[in-house]
Amino acid sequence: MELAAEFSRAMTPDPLLPPELLPHPWPGQGARRLSQECWTALRALPEAQDTPTPLPRLFHLYSDAITAPDER
């Protein structure tokens, strides 16, 4: 839950413009990268009883924002 809250806080001022229109350096790029790393770590959690561990429903809200375009 803390990850989702911090991601929301970091993304609030992000206008989601293409990289060429953002000022440099833009902290939103780093926030997305760190969130992607956390997302990957969450998805790599060990499986229990041969059943994949589902991600908390809260993270479905952010899946498109932090999933790399080639993974969609």
C-alpha atoms as a PDB file:
ATOM      1  CA  MET A   1       0.000   0.000   0.000  1.00  0.00           C
ATOM      2  CA  GLU A   2       2.879   2.337   0.790  1.00  0.00           C
ATOM      3  CA  LEU A   3       4.326   1.801  -2.697  1.00  0.00           C
ATOM      4  CA  ALA A   4       1.004   2.735  -4.320  1.00  0.00           C
ATOM      5  CA  ALA A   5       0.637   5.810  -2.108  1.00  0.00           C
ATOM      6  CA  GLU A   6       4.133   7.041  -2.915  1.00  0.00           C
ATOM      7  CA  PHE A   7       3.637   6.365  -6.618  1.00  0.00           C
ATOM      8  CA  SER A   8       0.427   8.419  -6.535  1.00  0.00           C
ATOM      9  CA  ARG A   9       2.249  11.239  -4.767  1.00  0.00           C
ATOM     10  CA  ALA A  10       5.103  11.155  -7.277  1.00  0.00           C
ATOM     11  CA  MET A  11       2.812  11.043 -10.309  1.00  0.00           C
ATOM     12  CA  THR A  12       0.420  13.802  -9.230  1.00  0.00           C
ATOM     13  CA  PRO A  13       2.520  16.648 -10.691  1.00  0.00           C
ATOM     14  CA  ASP A  14       3.581  14.559 -13.737  1.00  0.00           C
ATOM     15  CA  PRO A  15       1.827  15.858 -16.865  1.00  0.00           C
ATOM     16  CA  LEU A  16       2.588  12.561 -18.709  1.00  0.00           C
ATOM     17  CA  LEU A  17       4.023  14.486 -21.637  1.00  0.00           C
ATOM     18  CA  PRO A  18       6.380  12.874 -24.152  1.00  0.00           C
ATOM     19  CA  PRO A  19      10.002  12.956 -22.907  1.00  0.00           C
ATOM     20  CA  GLU A  20      11.015  15.622 -25.430  1.00  0.00           C
ATOM     21  CA  LEU A  21       8.501  18.079 -23.918  1.00  0.00           C
ATOM     22  CA  LEU A  22       9.499  17.595 -20.282  1.00  0.00           C
ATOM     23  CA  PRO A  23      12.062  19.778 -18.516  1.00  0.00           C
ATOM     24  CA  HIS A  24      15.387  18.092 -17.817  1.00  0.00           C
ATOM     25  CA  PRO A  25      15.949  16.445 -15.443  1.00  0.00           C
ATOM     26  CA  TRP A  26      12.379  15.265 -14.856  1.00  0.00           C
ATOM     27  CA  PRO A  27      11.860  13.344 -11.573  1.00  0.00           C
ATOM     28  CA  GLY A  28       8.857  11.455 -12.951  1.00  0.00           C
ATOM     29  CA  GLN A  29      11.131   9.286 -15.100  1.00  0.00           C
ATOM     30  CA  GLY A  30      13.074   8.150 -12.058  1.00  0.00           C
ATOM     31  CA  ALA A  31       9.843   7.564 -10.144  1.00  0.00           C
ATOM     32  CA  ARG A  32       8.529   5.352 -12.933  1.00  0.00           C
ATOM     33  CA  ARG A  33      11.801   3.415 -13.086  1.00  0.00           C
ATOM     34  CA  LEU A  34      11.826   2.807  -9.329  1.00  0.00           C
ATOM     35  CA  SER A  35       8.158   1.828  -9.382  1.00  0.00           C
ATOM     36  CA  GLN A  36       8.841  -0.631 -12.207  1.00  0.00           C
ATOM     37  CA  GLU A  37      11.635  -2.191 -10.129  1.00  0.00           C
ATOM     38  CA  CYS A  38       9.289  -2.530  -7.139  1.00  0.00           C
ATOM     39  CA  TRP A  39       6.539  -3.943  -9.359  1.00  0.00           C
ATOM     40  CA  THR A  40       8.973  -6.526 -10.754  1.00  0.00           C
ATOM     41  CA  ALA A  41      10.036  -7.486  -7.233  1.00  0.00           C
ATOM     42  CA  LEU A  42       6.398  -7.906  -6.170  1.00  0.00           C
ATOM     43  CA  ARG A  43       5.687 -10.128  -9.165  1.00  0.00           C
ATOM     44  CA  ALA A  44       8.711 -12.260  -8.281  1.00  0.00           C
ATOM     45  CA  LEU A  45       7.376 -13.136  -4.832  1.00  0.00           C
ATOM     46  CA  PRO A  46       7.536 -16.873  -4.181  1.00  0.00           C
ATOM     47  CA  GLU A  47       4.542 -18.964  -5.088  1.00  0.00           C
ATOM     48  CA  ALA A  48       2.586 -20.603  -2.281  1.00  0.00           C
ATOM     49  CA  GLN A  49       1.177 -24.086  -2.794  1.00  0.00           C
ATOM     50  CA  ASP A  50       1.850 -24.003  -6.555  1.00  0.00           C
ATOM     51  CA  THR A  51      -0.476 -21.021  -6.923  1.00  0.00           C
ATOM     52  CA  PRO A  52       0.921 -17.701  -8.172  1.00  0.00           C
ATOM     53  CA  THR A  53       0.761 -14.970  -5.569  1.00  0.00           C
ATOM     54  CA  PRO A  54      -1.727 -12.400  -6.863  1.00  0.00           C
ATOM     55  CA  LEU A  55      -0.737  -8.771  -6.613  1.00  0.00           C
ATOM     56  CA  PRO A  56      -2.829  -6.628  -4.295  1.00  0.00           C
ATOM     57  CA  ARG A  57      -5.827  -5.219  -6.194  1.00  0.00           C
ATOM     58  CA  LEU A  58      -4.544  -1.725  -5.459  1.00  0.00           C
ATOM     59  CA  PHE A  59      -1.679  -2.222  -7.915  1.00  0.00           C
ATOM     60  CA  HIS A  60      -3.966  -2.941 -10.877  1.00  0.00           C
ATOM     61  CA  LEU A  61      -4.726   0.784 -10.966  1.00  0.00           C
ATOM     62  CA  TYR A  62      -1.082   1.515 -11.807  1.00  0.00           C
ATOM     63  CA  SER A  63      -0.237  -1.449 -14.039  1.00  0.00           C
ATOM     64  CA  ASP A  64      -0.394   0.514 -17.312  1.00  0.00           C
ATOM     65  CA  ALA A  65       1.630   3.395 -15.916  1.00  0.00           C
ATOM     66  CA  ILE A  66       4.572   1.261 -14.832  1.00  0.00           C
ATOM     67  CA  THR A  67       4.506  -1.569 -17.360  1.00  0.00           C
ATOM     68  CA  ALA A  68       7.002  -1.140 -20.155  1.00  0.00           C
ATOM     69  CA  PRO A  69       5.281  -0.636 -23.548  1.00  0.00           C
ATOM     70  CA  ASP A  70       6.796  -3.855 -24.929  1.00  0.00           C
ATOM     71  CA  GLU A  71       5.203  -5.843 -22.058  1.00  0.00           C
ATOM     72  CA  ARG A  72       1.624  -4.663 -22.745  1.00  0.00           C
END
